[in-house]
Protein backbone atom coordinates (compact mmCIF):
# COMPACT_ATOMS: atom_id res chain seq x y z
CA MET A 1 -131.92 195.35 19.04
CA ARG A 2 -133.99 197.51 21.41
CA SER A 3 -132.48 196.00 24.56
CA LYS A 4 -129.02 197.00 23.30
CA ALA A 5 -130.14 200.62 22.90
CA ILE A 6 -131.71 200.67 26.36
CA ALA A 7 -128.61 199.16 27.97
CA THR A 8 -126.52 201.93 26.40
CA LEU A 9 -129.00 204.56 27.62
CA PHE A 10 -128.66 203.20 31.16
CA ALA A 11 -124.94 203.90 30.92
CA LEU A 12 -125.57 207.41 29.61
CA ALA A 13 -128.07 208.10 32.39
CA LEU A 14 -125.51 207.09 34.98
CA SER A 15 -123.05 209.54 33.44
CA CYS A 16 -125.61 212.32 33.61
CA PHE A 17 -124.97 213.34 37.17
CA ALA A 18 -122.89 212.37 40.16
CA ASN A 19 -122.80 214.38 43.32
CA SER A 20 -123.21 217.88 44.51
CA CYS A 21 -122.94 219.62 47.83
CA HIS A 22 -124.84 222.10 49.97
CA SER A 23 -123.30 225.26 51.35
CA GLN A 24 -123.72 223.75 54.85
CA ASN A 25 -120.58 221.69 54.12
CA THR A 26 -118.23 222.78 51.37
CA ARG A 27 -115.84 219.84 51.79
CA LEU A 28 -115.88 216.93 49.39
CA LEU A 29 -117.12 213.96 51.42
CA GLU A 30 -116.36 210.35 50.56
CA TYR A 31 -119.38 208.16 49.88
CA VAL A 32 -120.66 204.89 48.45
CA ALA A 33 -124.20 204.82 47.00
CA GLU A 34 -126.32 202.04 45.49
CA TYR A 35 -128.98 202.68 42.83
CA GLU A 36 -131.61 200.80 40.85
CA ALA A 37 -132.85 201.79 37.39
CA SER A 38 -135.67 200.67 35.14
CA ALA A 39 -136.76 201.20 31.53
CA ASN A 40 -139.11 199.20 29.32
CA GLY A 41 -138.78 195.99 31.34
CA LEU A 42 -135.03 196.24 31.78
CA ALA A 43 -133.47 196.56 35.23
CA ALA A 44 -130.08 197.88 36.23
CA THR A 45 -128.11 198.22 39.44
CA ALA A 46 -125.42 200.83 39.91
CA THR A 47 -122.77 201.78 42.45
CA ARG A 48 -121.21 205.22 42.70
CA SER A 49 -118.35 206.21 44.95
CA LEU A 50 -116.13 209.16 45.73
CA SER A 51 -112.81 208.38 47.39
CA LYS A 52 -109.88 210.54 48.45
CA ILE A 53 -106.51 209.59 46.97
CA ASP A 54 -104.40 212.07 48.90
CA GLU A 55 -104.64 215.60 50.29
CA ASN A 56 -106.08 217.29 47.18
CA SER A 57 -106.80 214.47 44.72
CA TYR A 58 -109.94 212.34 44.39
CA ARG A 59 -111.42 209.52 42.35
CA LEU A 60 -115.09 209.49 41.31
CA SER A 61 -116.28 206.17 39.89
CA ASN A 62 -119.42 204.44 38.56
CA SER A 63 -120.20 200.81 37.93
CA LEU A 64 -123.44 199.50 36.43
CA GLN A 65 -125.01 196.23 35.31
CA ALA A 66 -128.16 196.10 33.16
CA SER A 67 -130.09 192.85 32.83
CA LEU A 68 -133.19 191.31 31.28
CA ALA A 69 -134.77 188.06 32.49
CA GLY A 70 -131.70 187.42 34.60
CA GLN A 71 -129.28 187.89 31.70
CA THR A 72 -126.67 190.64 31.90
CA LEU A 73 -126.88 192.89 28.85
CA ALA A 74 -124.35 195.57 29.74
CA SER A 75 -121.65 196.35 32.27
CA LEU A 76 -120.17 199.80 32.73
CA LEU A 77 -117.02 200.93 34.51
CA GLN A 78 -116.35 204.66 34.56
CA ALA A 79 -113.90 206.75 36.58
CA SER A 80 -112.34 210.21 36.79
CA GLU A 81 -109.36 211.32 38.82
CA PHE A 82 -108.98 215.01 39.57
CA ILE A 83 -107.42 217.49 41.96
CA ILE A 84 -108.92 220.44 43.83
CA GLU A 85 -107.04 223.75 43.56
CA GLY A 86 -108.86 226.30 45.69
CA ASN A 87 -112.39 226.15 44.32
CA ARG A 88 -111.27 224.79 40.94
CA VAL A 89 -111.68 221.19 39.80
CA VAL A 90 -108.75 220.09 37.60
CA PRO A 91 -109.26 216.73 35.84
CA LEU A 92 -106.25 214.45 35.33
CA ASN A 93 -107.62 211.37 33.57
CA TYR A 94 -110.91 209.71 32.67
CA THR A 95 -111.87 206.17 31.62
CA TYR A 96 -115.12 204.64 30.35
CA GLN A 97 -115.59 200.96 29.52
CA LEU A 98 -118.93 199.55 28.37
CA SER A 99 -119.20 195.82 27.63
CA GLY A 100 -121.96 193.32 26.87
CA VAL A 101 -124.36 193.46 23.91
CA SER A 102 -122.96 196.94 23.26
CA GLY A 103 -119.28 197.79 23.69
CA ALA A 104 -117.44 201.09 23.89
CA SER A 105 -114.15 202.35 25.29
CA HIS A 106 -113.25 205.98 25.99
CA ALA A 107 -110.27 207.57 27.75
CA ILE A 108 -108.95 211.09 28.26
CA PHE A 109 -105.52 212.17 29.52
CA PHE A 110 -105.22 215.84 30.50
CA ASN A 111 -101.73 217.32 29.97
CA TRP A 112 -102.13 220.75 31.54
CA ASP A 113 -98.45 221.67 31.12
CA ALA A 114 -98.70 221.19 27.35
CA GLU A 115 -102.32 222.47 27.30
CA ILE A 116 -103.43 219.38 25.36
CA ALA A 117 -105.93 216.61 26.10
CA LEU A 118 -105.52 213.22 24.45
CA SER A 119 -108.99 211.76 23.85
CA THR A 120 -109.42 208.19 22.62
CA GLU A 121 -112.56 206.34 21.59
CA ASP A 122 -112.19 202.68 20.65
CA ASP A 123 -109.49 202.72 17.90
CA GLU A 124 -109.52 206.48 17.27
CA SER A 125 -107.66 209.27 19.07
CA TRP A 126 -107.56 213.06 18.97
CA GLN A 127 -105.53 215.87 20.51
CA LEU A 128 -107.69 218.71 21.79
CA PRO A 129 -106.55 222.15 23.02
CA LEU A 130 -106.99 222.63 26.75
CA ARG A 131 -108.19 225.78 28.46
CA ASP A 132 -109.25 226.45 32.03
CA GLY A 133 -112.55 224.82 32.86
CA VAL A 134 -112.50 221.94 30.36
CA MET A 135 -113.82 218.78 32.02
CA ASP A 136 -114.68 215.14 31.41
CA GLN A 137 -118.08 213.48 31.84
CA LEU A 138 -117.57 212.98 35.58
CA SER A 139 -115.32 215.79 36.80
CA TYR A 140 -117.77 218.46 35.60
CA GLN A 141 -120.26 217.09 38.12
CA VAL A 142 -117.88 217.97 40.93
CA ALA A 143 -117.47 221.43 39.38
CA LEU A 144 -121.26 221.76 39.45
CA ARG A 145 -121.09 221.05 43.18
CA GLN A 146 -118.86 224.09 43.60
CA ALA A 147 -121.08 226.19 41.34
CA LEU A 148 -124.10 225.38 43.51
CA ILE A 149 -122.19 226.39 46.62
CA ASP A 150 -121.28 229.71 45.03
CA ASN A 151 -124.70 230.38 43.51
CA SER A 152 -127.90 228.69 44.70
CA ASP A 153 -130.28 231.32 43.26
CA SER A 154 -133.51 229.92 41.84
CA GLU A 155 -133.42 229.56 38.05
CA ALA A 156 -129.60 229.81 37.98
CA ILE A 157 -128.01 228.24 34.89
CA PHE A 158 -124.62 226.51 35.05
CA SER A 159 -122.49 225.91 31.93
CA PHE A 160 -119.61 223.44 31.47
CA ASP A 161 -117.20 222.63 28.62
CA ILE A 162 -116.93 218.83 28.40
CA ILE A 163 -114.76 216.65 26.18
CA ASP A 164 -116.85 214.22 24.14
CA GLY A 165 -114.74 212.17 21.72
CA ASP A 166 -113.17 214.54 19.20
CA ALA A 167 -114.96 217.68 20.39
CA ILE A 168 -115.47 219.97 23.36
CA GLU A 169 -119.17 220.56 23.93
CA MET A 170 -121.02 222.86 26.30
CA GLN A 171 -123.63 221.43 28.65
CA GLN A 172 -126.00 223.57 30.71
CA TYR A 173 -128.11 222.81 33.77
CA ARG A 174 -130.89 224.93 35.26
CA LEU A 175 -131.66 225.02 38.98
CA VAL A 176 -135.44 224.47 39.22
CA GLY A 177 -135.96 224.64 42.99
CA GLU A 178 -136.52 222.59 46.13
CA GLU A 179 -138.82 219.57 46.37
CA ILE A 180 -139.71 216.97 49.02
CA LEU A 181 -139.18 213.67 47.22
CA SER A 182 -140.62 210.30 48.23
CA THR A 183 -137.85 207.67 48.01
CA PRO A 184 -137.18 204.11 49.23
CA LEU A 185 -135.34 205.81 52.13
CA GLY A 186 -138.37 207.95 53.02
CA GLU A 187 -139.11 211.58 52.22
CA LEU A 188 -135.98 213.58 51.45
CA ASN A 189 -135.51 217.31 51.02
CA THR A 190 -134.07 217.67 47.54
CA LEU A 191 -132.90 220.23 45.05
CA LYS A 192 -134.14 219.70 41.49
CA LEU A 193 -132.16 220.53 38.34
CA GLU A 194 -132.81 219.97 34.65
CA ARG A 195 -130.62 219.82 31.56
CA VAL A 196 -131.04 222.83 29.27
CA ARG A 197 -131.68 221.79 25.65
CA GLU A 198 -132.84 223.36 22.41
CA ALA A 199 -136.61 223.92 22.15
CA SER A 200 -136.80 221.41 19.28
CA ASP A 201 -135.02 218.69 21.30
CA GLN A 202 -137.53 216.17 22.68
CA ARG A 203 -135.05 214.75 25.18
CA ALA A 204 -135.31 215.69 28.86
CA SER A 205 -133.12 215.09 31.91
CA LYS A 206 -134.18 215.85 35.50
CA ILE A 207 -132.05 215.35 38.60
CA TRP A 208 -132.82 215.46 42.33
CA LEU A 209 -130.12 215.94 45.01
CA ALA A 210 -130.57 215.32 48.75
CA VAL A 211 -130.11 218.67 50.50
CA ASP A 212 -129.54 217.24 53.99
CA TRP A 213 -127.05 214.65 52.74
CA ASN A 214 -124.40 216.77 51.06
CA PHE A 215 -126.59 216.91 47.94
CA LEU A 216 -126.14 213.23 47.17
CA LEU A 217 -127.73 212.15 43.88
CA THR A 218 -131.20 210.84 44.75
CA ARG A 219 -133.05 210.40 41.47
CA ILE A 220 -132.61 210.80 37.70
CA GLU A 221 -135.39 210.81 35.10
CA GLN A 222 -134.47 210.79 31.41
CA LEU A 223 -136.67 210.88 28.33
CA ASN A 224 -135.15 210.18 24.91
CA ASN A 225 -136.34 211.15 21.44
CA SER A 226 -138.37 207.96 21.03
CA GLY A 227 -140.25 208.57 24.28
CA LEU A 228 -138.36 205.94 26.31
CA ARG A 229 -138.31 206.94 29.99
CA ILE A 230 -135.43 205.87 32.23
CA VAL A 231 -135.59 206.23 36.02
CA LEU A 232 -132.61 205.77 38.34
CA GLU A 233 -133.28 205.90 42.08
CA LEU A 234 -131.16 205.82 45.23
CA LYS A 235 -131.59 202.64 47.30
CA SER A 236 -128.91 203.00 49.96
CA ALA A 237 -125.82 205.06 50.71
CA GLU A 238 -123.11 205.75 53.23
CA LEU A 239 -121.79 209.30 53.33
CA ASN A 240 -118.61 210.05 55.28
CA GLY A 241 -119.22 206.88 57.34
CA GLU A 242 -122.88 207.69 58.10
CA ILE A 243 -125.83 205.72 56.69
CA VAL A 244 -128.14 207.95 54.65
CA ARG A 245 -131.76 207.95 55.88
CA ALA A 246 -134.79 210.23 55.88
CA ASP A 247 -135.20 212.52 58.87
CA ASN A 248 -138.12 211.58 61.11
């Protein structure tokens, strides 16, 4: 069922990128952002938020609903809790729950004292060895924020070790440059990044972050192997209590 595949891809697109931050403000800022996505006649709405739990711990979460002709095809709930130690992001736990025409459940518990991560996927589970820098599908995005603060050179490449089921896989992103992007909020100054893939891989992922708004995620474009194009775009947001808007 094609709609099932697209609904799942919406969820994957949402996991692609969260937030980043400009060197103008190195603090993690709380926010709530609303997005809309489209692909092959399907529509989705998404909410992303970053909230502070206590002095050094945070929760980054996503929720998404994909629909067709008014019928909900997929719902996603995804969250990561982590702490900040200096400039290091240390994940504590991660959950992912996809329901609807396609269902999936993932969870990761990071036991840093024992240097083991317990990763579960539906009815399966694995113990993976932990080393500094290992992340989940959301916490690495906060680590990318720090990497951009430390190195904003054009063409810089950032690498991350991310737990995916029973394996730890490396993902890389390339900083492409700055771009003025037309959005529903007006023209925003953005920074553009792209996922680094093998030359034979037909997939593509491009991300735009709003420079003047703490590098809030503004747009995602994804192309899969079959040529399906998914676009996710920022509709509204509140960052640290301030409504996000284009500068006049």
